[in-house]
Amino acid sequence: MADRLAEQLIGRDIRLAIYHADLRGKHLQVDRAGDVIGYLDWGASEARFLPFVDLMHLVVHQRKQETDVPFGDAWRLVRDRATRKKNESAALSSYAESVGLDEADMAMLFDAYPLFVAGMAELNWDYTRPDWVARQFDL
């Protein structure tokens, strides 16, 4: 997975972004209108990372919470355009367009999602769980 992603990214001109690395609903503060007014828990953040990954994680995690399915199943539901909710598609497409990513770029990043989760976990957890990602994503 890492080799395939590297092959797809090398030589590309992609604008990097600040990476929260654990963006979930509980790490967002919103006002009554639903506008984001703050982000919490920056402990796993990185100053430069690929764009889109934080939003992808937020959407996947939200789907997991809403449907009470394993992480891997939520990822597959959101990765597949046919099973994405309208609001998920709108948010993902709008963000991708704003940073210059197309559908192929989104698919590439979705395919590598387990790799991003594993990387964040290994960098930030005090312990390692080598089989956790494999179990979560059925890999």
N, C-alpha and C. Protein backbone atom coordinates (compact mmCIF):
# COMPACT_ATOMS: atom_id res chain seq x y z
N MET A 1 0.83 -1.19 0.00
CA MET A 1 0.00 0.00 0.00
C MET A 1 0.88 1.26 0.00
N ALA A 2 1.91 1.26 0.84
CA ALA A 2 2.81 2.42 0.91
C ALA A 2 3.56 2.60 -0.41
N ASP A 3 4.00 1.50 -0.99
CA ASP A 3 4.72 1.59 -2.26
C ASP A 3 3.81 2.13 -3.37
N ARG A 4 2.58 1.66 -3.40
CA ARG A 4 1.63 2.12 -4.42
C ARG A 4 1.35 3.61 -4.25
N LEU A 5 1.16 4.05 -3.01
CA LEU A 5 0.91 5.47 -2.76
C LEU A 5 2.12 6.31 -3.17
N ALA A 6 3.30 5.88 -2.79
CA ALA A 6 4.52 6.61 -3.15
C ALA A 6 4.64 6.74 -4.67
N GLU A 7 4.37 5.66 -5.36
CA GLU A 7 4.44 5.66 -6.82
C GLU A 7 3.46 6.68 -7.42
N GLN A 8 2.28 6.79 -6.82
CA GLN A 8 1.28 7.72 -7.32
C GLN A 8 1.59 9.17 -6.96
N LEU A 9 2.33 9.39 -5.88
CA LEU A 9 2.60 10.75 -5.42
C LEU A 9 3.90 11.35 -5.93
N ILE A 10 4.90 10.52 -6.20
CA ILE A 10 6.21 11.05 -6.60
C ILE A 10 6.06 11.86 -7.88
N GLY A 11 6.59 13.07 -7.83
CA GLY A 11 6.55 13.97 -8.97
C GLY A 11 5.30 14.83 -9.06
N ARG A 12 4.35 14.59 -8.17
CA ARG A 12 3.10 15.36 -8.17
C ARG A 12 3.30 16.69 -7.44
N ASP A 13 2.58 17.68 -7.87
CA ASP A 13 2.58 18.99 -7.22
C ASP A 13 1.28 19.09 -6.42
N ILE A 14 1.35 18.69 -5.16
CA ILE A 14 0.18 18.70 -4.29
C ILE A 14 0.44 19.64 -3.13
N ARG A 15 -0.47 20.56 -2.94
CA ARG A 15 -0.35 21.53 -1.84
C ARG A 15 -0.55 20.80 -0.51
N LEU A 16 0.42 20.92 0.38
CA LEU A 16 0.34 20.26 1.68
C LEU A 16 -0.51 21.08 2.65
N ALA A 17 -0.95 20.42 3.72
CA ALA A 17 -1.83 21.07 4.69
C ALA A 17 -1.38 20.73 6.11
N ILE A 18 -1.87 21.49 7.06
CA ILE A 18 -1.70 21.12 8.46
C ILE A 18 -2.53 19.87 8.68
N TYR A 19 -2.00 18.92 9.42
CA TYR A 19 -2.65 17.62 9.62
C TYR A 19 -2.96 17.44 11.10
N HIS A 20 -4.22 17.40 11.44
CA HIS A 20 -4.65 17.16 12.82
C HIS A 20 -4.31 15.73 13.21
N ALA A 21 -4.55 14.79 12.33
CA ALA A 21 -4.23 13.36 12.45
C ALA A 21 -5.23 12.56 13.28
N ASP A 22 -6.14 13.21 13.97
CA ASP A 22 -7.15 12.46 14.74
C ASP A 22 -8.45 13.27 14.76
N LEU A 23 -8.81 13.83 13.62
CA LEU A 23 -9.99 14.69 13.56
C LEU A 23 -11.25 13.83 13.62
N ARG A 24 -12.02 14.05 14.68
CA ARG A 24 -13.28 13.35 14.90
C ARG A 24 -14.25 14.36 15.49
N GLY A 25 -15.52 13.99 15.53
CA GLY A 25 -16.54 14.89 16.02
C GLY A 25 -16.23 15.45 17.40
N LYS A 26 -15.67 14.63 18.27
CA LYS A 26 -15.39 15.11 19.63
C LYS A 26 -14.26 16.12 19.68
N HIS A 27 -13.53 16.28 18.60
CA HIS A 27 -12.44 17.25 18.55
C HIS A 27 -12.84 18.54 17.83
N LEU A 28 -14.13 18.68 17.54
CA LEU A 28 -14.62 19.89 16.88
C LEU A 28 -15.54 20.65 17.82
N GLN A 29 -15.41 21.96 17.81
CA GLN A 29 -16.36 22.82 18.50
C GLN A 29 -17.13 23.57 17.42
N VAL A 30 -18.45 23.52 17.52
CA VAL A 30 -19.28 24.22 16.54
C VAL A 30 -20.27 25.12 17.26
N ASP A 31 -20.69 26.17 16.56
CA ASP A 31 -21.69 27.05 17.15
C ASP A 31 -23.09 26.53 16.80
N ARG A 32 -24.10 27.25 17.21
CA ARG A 32 -25.49 26.81 17.00
C ARG A 32 -25.85 26.68 15.52
N ALA A 33 -25.16 27.43 14.68
CA ALA A 33 -25.42 27.37 13.23
C ALA A 33 -24.67 26.21 12.56
N GLY A 34 -23.82 25.53 13.33
CA GLY A 34 -23.05 24.42 12.77
C GLY A 34 -21.71 24.82 12.21
N ASP A 35 -21.31 26.07 12.40
CA ASP A 35 -20.01 26.53 11.92
C ASP A 35 -18.92 26.13 12.91
N VAL A 36 -17.80 25.66 12.39
CA VAL A 36 -16.68 25.26 13.24
C VAL A 36 -16.07 26.52 13.86
N ILE A 37 -15.93 26.48 15.18
CA ILE A 37 -15.31 27.62 15.88
C ILE A 37 -14.01 27.21 16.57
N GLY A 38 -13.71 25.89 16.58
CA GLY A 38 -12.47 25.45 17.19
C GLY A 38 -12.20 23.98 16.97
N TYR A 39 -10.92 23.64 17.00
CA TYR A 39 -10.46 22.25 16.88
C TYR A 39 -9.70 21.93 18.15
N LEU A 40 -9.95 20.77 18.72
CA LEU A 40 -9.32 20.35 19.97
C LEU A 40 -8.34 19.20 19.75
N ASP A 41 -7.46 19.00 20.72
CA ASP A 41 -6.55 17.84 20.78
C ASP A 41 -5.61 17.76 19.58
N TRP A 42 -4.68 18.67 19.55
CA TRP A 42 -3.70 18.72 18.46
C TRP A 42 -2.46 17.88 18.75
N GLY A 43 -2.53 16.98 19.71
CA GLY A 43 -1.37 16.21 20.13
C GLY A 43 -0.73 15.33 19.06
N ALA A 44 -1.49 14.91 18.07
CA ALA A 44 -0.95 14.04 17.02
C ALA A 44 -0.69 14.80 15.72
N SER A 45 -0.82 16.12 15.75
CA SER A 45 -0.76 16.91 14.52
C SER A 45 0.64 16.97 13.92
N GLU A 46 0.64 17.30 12.63
CA GLU A 46 1.88 17.53 11.89
C GLU A 46 1.71 18.81 11.09
N ALA A 47 2.78 19.56 10.96
CA ALA A 47 2.71 20.86 10.28
C ALA A 47 2.50 20.72 8.77
N ARG A 48 2.97 19.63 8.18
CA ARG A 48 2.84 19.44 6.72
C ARG A 48 2.49 17.99 6.43
N PHE A 49 1.37 17.83 5.73
CA PHE A 49 0.93 16.49 5.37
C PHE A 49 0.03 16.61 4.14
N LEU A 50 -0.38 15.49 3.62
CA LEU A 50 -1.27 15.49 2.46
C LEU A 50 -2.62 16.12 2.83
N PRO A 51 -3.19 16.88 1.90
CA PRO A 51 -4.52 17.43 2.16
C PRO A 51 -5.57 16.33 2.10
N PHE A 52 -6.76 16.61 2.53
CA PHE A 52 -7.92 15.73 2.39
C PHE A 52 -7.99 14.63 3.44
N VAL A 53 -6.85 14.23 4.00
CA VAL A 53 -6.81 13.08 4.90
C VAL A 53 -7.59 13.34 6.19
N ASP A 54 -7.46 14.54 6.76
CA ASP A 54 -8.21 14.85 7.98
C ASP A 54 -9.72 14.79 7.75
N LEU A 55 -10.19 15.39 6.67
CA LEU A 55 -11.62 15.37 6.39
C LEU A 55 -12.08 13.94 6.12
N MET A 56 -11.30 13.20 5.39
CA MET A 56 -11.64 11.80 5.13
C MET A 56 -11.78 11.05 6.45
N HIS A 57 -10.86 11.25 7.38
CA HIS A 57 -10.92 10.58 8.67
C HIS A 57 -12.17 11.01 9.44
N LEU A 58 -12.46 12.29 9.43
CA LEU A 58 -13.65 12.78 10.13
C LEU A 58 -14.92 12.12 9.57
N VAL A 59 -15.03 12.05 8.26
CA VAL A 59 -16.22 11.47 7.63
C VAL A 59 -16.31 9.98 7.91
N VAL A 60 -15.20 9.27 7.78
CA VAL A 60 -15.20 7.83 8.05
C VAL A 60 -15.56 7.56 9.51
N HIS A 61 -14.94 8.31 10.41
CA HIS A 61 -15.21 8.10 11.83
C HIS A 61 -16.67 8.41 12.16
N GLN A 62 -17.21 9.47 11.58
CA GLN A 62 -18.61 9.80 11.82
C GLN A 62 -19.53 8.68 11.31
N ARG A 63 -19.22 8.13 10.15
CA ARG A 63 -20.03 7.03 9.61
C ARG A 63 -19.96 5.82 10.53
N LYS A 64 -18.77 5.56 11.06
CA LYS A 64 -18.59 4.45 12.01
C LYS A 64 -19.48 4.66 13.22
N GLN A 65 -19.49 5.86 13.76
CA GLN A 65 -20.29 6.17 14.94
C GLN A 65 -21.79 6.05 14.64
N GLU A 66 -22.21 6.56 13.50
CA GLU A 66 -23.63 6.57 13.15
C GLU A 66 -24.19 5.18 12.89
N THR A 67 -23.38 4.32 12.30
CA THR A 67 -23.89 3.01 11.86
C THR A 67 -23.45 1.87 12.77
N ASP A 68 -22.56 2.16 13.71
CA ASP A 68 -22.06 1.14 14.63
C ASP A 68 -21.49 -0.07 13.89
N VAL A 69 -20.68 0.22 12.87
CA VAL A 69 -20.00 -0.83 12.11
C VAL A 69 -18.51 -0.74 12.39
N PRO A 70 -17.77 -1.79 12.11
CA PRO A 70 -16.31 -1.72 12.28
C PRO A 70 -15.70 -0.63 11.40
N PHE A 71 -14.54 -0.16 11.82
CA PHE A 71 -13.82 0.90 11.12
C PHE A 71 -13.69 0.60 9.62
N GLY A 72 -13.26 -0.61 9.31
CA GLY A 72 -13.06 -0.99 7.91
C GLY A 72 -14.34 -0.91 7.09
N ASP A 73 -15.46 -1.30 7.67
CA ASP A 73 -16.73 -1.22 6.96
C ASP A 73 -17.13 0.23 6.72
N ALA A 74 -16.92 1.08 7.70
CA ALA A 74 -17.23 2.51 7.53
C ALA A 74 -16.36 3.10 6.43
N TRP A 75 -15.09 2.74 6.42
CA TRP A 75 -14.17 3.22 5.38
C TRP A 75 -14.66 2.79 4.00
N ARG A 76 -15.04 1.53 3.86
CA ARG A 76 -15.51 1.04 2.56
C ARG A 76 -16.79 1.76 2.12
N LEU A 77 -17.69 2.01 3.07
CA LEU A 77 -18.94 2.71 2.73
C LEU A 77 -18.68 4.13 2.24
N VAL A 78 -17.74 4.81 2.85
CA VAL A 78 -17.45 6.19 2.45
C VAL A 78 -16.55 6.22 1.22
N ARG A 79 -15.67 5.26 1.09
CA ARG A 79 -14.78 5.20 -0.08
C ARG A 79 -15.57 5.00 -1.37
N ASP A 80 -16.62 4.20 -1.30
CA ASP A 80 -17.45 3.90 -2.47
C ASP A 80 -18.43 5.05 -2.71
N ARG A 81 -18.30 5.72 -3.83
CA ARG A 81 -19.17 6.86 -4.13
C ARG A 81 -20.64 6.49 -4.11
N ALA A 82 -20.96 5.25 -4.45
CA ALA A 82 -22.36 4.80 -4.51
C ALA A 82 -22.99 4.70 -3.12
N THR A 83 -22.17 4.50 -2.09
CA THR A 83 -22.73 4.35 -0.73
C THR A 83 -22.42 5.55 0.16
N ARG A 84 -21.85 6.58 -0.42
CA ARG A 84 -21.63 7.82 0.33
C ARG A 84 -22.95 8.57 0.48
N LYS A 85 -23.11 9.21 1.61
CA LYS A 85 -24.28 10.08 1.80
C LYS A 85 -24.05 11.38 1.04
N LYS A 86 -25.15 12.07 0.73
CA LYS A 86 -25.04 13.33 -0.02
C LYS A 86 -24.15 14.33 0.71
N ASN A 87 -24.34 14.45 2.04
CA ASN A 87 -23.54 15.44 2.78
C ASN A 87 -22.06 15.04 2.80
N GLU A 88 -21.78 13.75 2.84
CA GLU A 88 -20.39 13.29 2.80
C GLU A 88 -19.76 13.64 1.45
N SER A 89 -20.47 13.32 0.39
CA SER A 89 -19.97 13.63 -0.96
C SER A 89 -19.75 15.11 -1.15
N ALA A 90 -20.70 15.90 -0.68
CA ALA A 90 -20.60 17.35 -0.84
C ALA A 90 -19.37 17.90 -0.11
N ALA A 91 -19.18 17.47 1.13
CA ALA A 91 -18.04 17.96 1.91
C ALA A 91 -16.72 17.51 1.29
N LEU A 92 -16.62 16.24 0.93
CA LEU A 92 -15.38 15.71 0.37
C LEU A 92 -15.06 16.35 -0.98
N SER A 93 -16.06 16.45 -1.84
CA SER A 93 -15.84 17.05 -3.17
C SER A 93 -15.48 18.52 -3.08
N SER A 94 -16.17 19.24 -2.22
CA SER A 94 -15.89 20.67 -2.06
C SER A 94 -14.46 20.90 -1.58
N TYR A 95 -14.06 20.13 -0.58
CA TYR A 95 -12.70 20.28 -0.06
C TYR A 95 -11.68 19.91 -1.14
N ALA A 96 -11.90 18.77 -1.79
CA ALA A 96 -10.95 18.32 -2.82
C ALA A 96 -10.79 19.38 -3.91
N GLU A 97 -11.90 19.94 -4.34
CA GLU A 97 -11.84 20.98 -5.37
C GLU A 97 -11.07 22.19 -4.88
N SER A 98 -11.25 22.56 -3.61
CA SER A 98 -10.59 23.76 -3.08
C SER A 98 -9.07 23.61 -3.00
N VAL A 99 -8.59 22.37 -2.91
CA VAL A 99 -7.13 22.15 -2.85
C VAL A 99 -6.58 21.56 -4.15
N GLY A 100 -7.43 21.47 -5.17
CA GLY A 100 -6.96 21.04 -6.49
C GLY A 100 -6.83 19.54 -6.67
N LEU A 101 -7.64 18.77 -5.95
CA LEU A 101 -7.64 17.32 -6.12
C LEU A 101 -8.82 16.91 -6.99
N ASP A 102 -8.63 15.88 -7.81
CA ASP A 102 -9.73 15.39 -8.62
C ASP A 102 -10.21 14.04 -8.08
N GLU A 103 -11.15 13.41 -8.76
CA GLU A 103 -11.71 12.13 -8.30
C GLU A 103 -10.64 11.05 -8.18
N ALA A 104 -9.70 11.03 -9.10
CA ALA A 104 -8.63 10.03 -9.05
C ALA A 104 -7.75 10.25 -7.81
N ASP A 105 -7.49 11.52 -7.49
CA ASP A 105 -6.71 11.83 -6.29
C ASP A 105 -7.45 11.38 -5.03
N MET A 106 -8.75 11.66 -5.00
CA MET A 106 -9.56 11.25 -3.85
C MET A 106 -9.53 9.72 -3.71
N ALA A 107 -9.67 9.02 -4.81
CA ALA A 107 -9.65 7.55 -4.77
C ALA A 107 -8.30 7.05 -4.27
N MET A 108 -7.22 7.67 -4.72
CA MET A 108 -5.87 7.29 -4.29
C MET A 108 -5.74 7.45 -2.78
N LEU A 109 -6.20 8.57 -2.25
CA LEU A 109 -6.09 8.82 -0.82
C LEU A 109 -7.03 7.91 -0.02
N PHE A 110 -8.21 7.65 -0.54
CA PHE A 110 -9.11 6.70 0.13
C PHE A 110 -8.49 5.31 0.19
N ASP A 111 -7.87 4.88 -0.90
CA ASP A 111 -7.25 3.55 -0.93
C ASP A 111 -6.15 3.44 0.12
N ALA A 112 -5.46 4.54 0.39
CA ALA A 112 -4.34 4.52 1.35
C ALA A 112 -4.77 4.83 2.78
N TYR A 113 -6.05 5.04 3.02
CA TYR A 113 -6.53 5.43 4.34
C TYR A 113 -6.03 4.54 5.47
N PRO A 114 -6.07 3.21 5.35
CA PRO A 114 -5.54 2.39 6.45
C PRO A 114 -4.08 2.70 6.76
N LEU A 115 -3.32 3.06 5.77
CA LEU A 115 -1.93 3.42 5.96
C LEU A 115 -1.80 4.69 6.80
N PHE A 116 -2.65 5.68 6.55
CA PHE A 116 -2.63 6.92 7.34
C PHE A 116 -3.01 6.65 8.79
N VAL A 117 -4.01 5.80 8.99
CA VAL A 117 -4.42 5.46 10.36
C VAL A 117 -3.29 4.73 11.08
N ALA A 118 -2.66 3.80 10.39
CA ALA A 118 -1.55 3.05 11.00
C ALA A 118 -0.38 3.97 11.32
N GLY A 119 -0.07 4.89 10.41
CA GLY A 119 1.04 5.81 10.65
C GLY A 119 0.79 6.71 11.84
N MET A 120 -0.44 7.24 11.95
CA MET A 120 -0.77 8.09 13.09
C MET A 120 -0.66 7.29 14.38
N ALA A 121 -1.17 6.08 14.37
CA ALA A 121 -1.15 5.25 15.57
C ALA A 121 0.29 4.95 16.00
N GLU A 122 1.10 4.55 15.08
CA GLU A 122 2.48 4.18 15.43
C GLU A 122 3.29 5.39 15.90
N LEU A 123 3.01 6.56 15.35
CA LEU A 123 3.74 7.75 15.77
C LEU A 123 3.29 8.29 17.12
N ASN A 124 2.04 8.04 17.49
CA ASN A 124 1.47 8.73 18.64
C ASN A 124 1.04 7.87 19.81
N TRP A 125 0.86 6.59 19.62
CA TRP A 125 0.48 5.74 20.73
C TRP A 125 1.71 5.30 21.49
N ASP A 126 1.58 5.13 22.77
CA ASP A 126 2.70 4.71 23.60
C ASP A 126 3.03 3.23 23.44
N TYR A 127 2.26 2.53 22.68
CA TYR A 127 2.45 1.10 22.48
C TYR A 127 2.13 0.78 21.03
N THR A 128 2.50 -0.36 20.58
CA THR A 128 2.24 -0.74 19.21
C THR A 128 1.21 -1.86 19.16
N ARG A 129 0.42 -1.85 18.15
CA ARG A 129 -0.57 -2.90 17.91
C ARG A 129 -0.44 -3.32 16.45
N PRO A 130 0.54 -4.13 16.12
CA PRO A 130 0.80 -4.43 14.72
C PRO A 130 -0.37 -5.06 13.97
N ASP A 131 -1.24 -5.79 14.65
CA ASP A 131 -2.35 -6.44 13.95
C ASP A 131 -3.63 -5.62 13.99
N TRP A 132 -3.65 -4.52 14.74
CA TRP A 132 -4.86 -3.74 14.90
C TRP A 132 -5.40 -3.22 13.58
N VAL A 133 -4.55 -2.60 12.77
CA VAL A 133 -4.99 -2.05 11.50
C VAL A 133 -5.47 -3.17 10.58
N ALA A 134 -4.74 -4.25 10.55
CA ALA A 134 -5.15 -5.38 9.72
C ALA A 134 -6.54 -5.87 10.12
N ARG A 135 -6.79 -5.96 11.43
CA ARG A 135 -8.11 -6.41 11.89
C ARG A 135 -9.18 -5.36 11.60
N GLN A 136 -8.89 -4.10 11.85
CA GLN A 136 -9.87 -3.04 11.66
C GLN A 136 -10.33 -2.92 10.21
N PHE A 137 -9.40 -3.11 9.30
CA PHE A 137 -9.69 -2.89 7.88
C PHE A 137 -9.81 -4.18 7.09
N ASP A 138 -9.74 -5.30 7.77
CA ASP A 138 -9.86 -6.60 7.09
C ASP A 138 -8.80 -6.77 6.01
N LEU A 139 -7.58 -6.42 6.32
CA LEU A 139 -6.50 -6.50 5.33
C LEU A 139 -5.64 -7.73 5.56
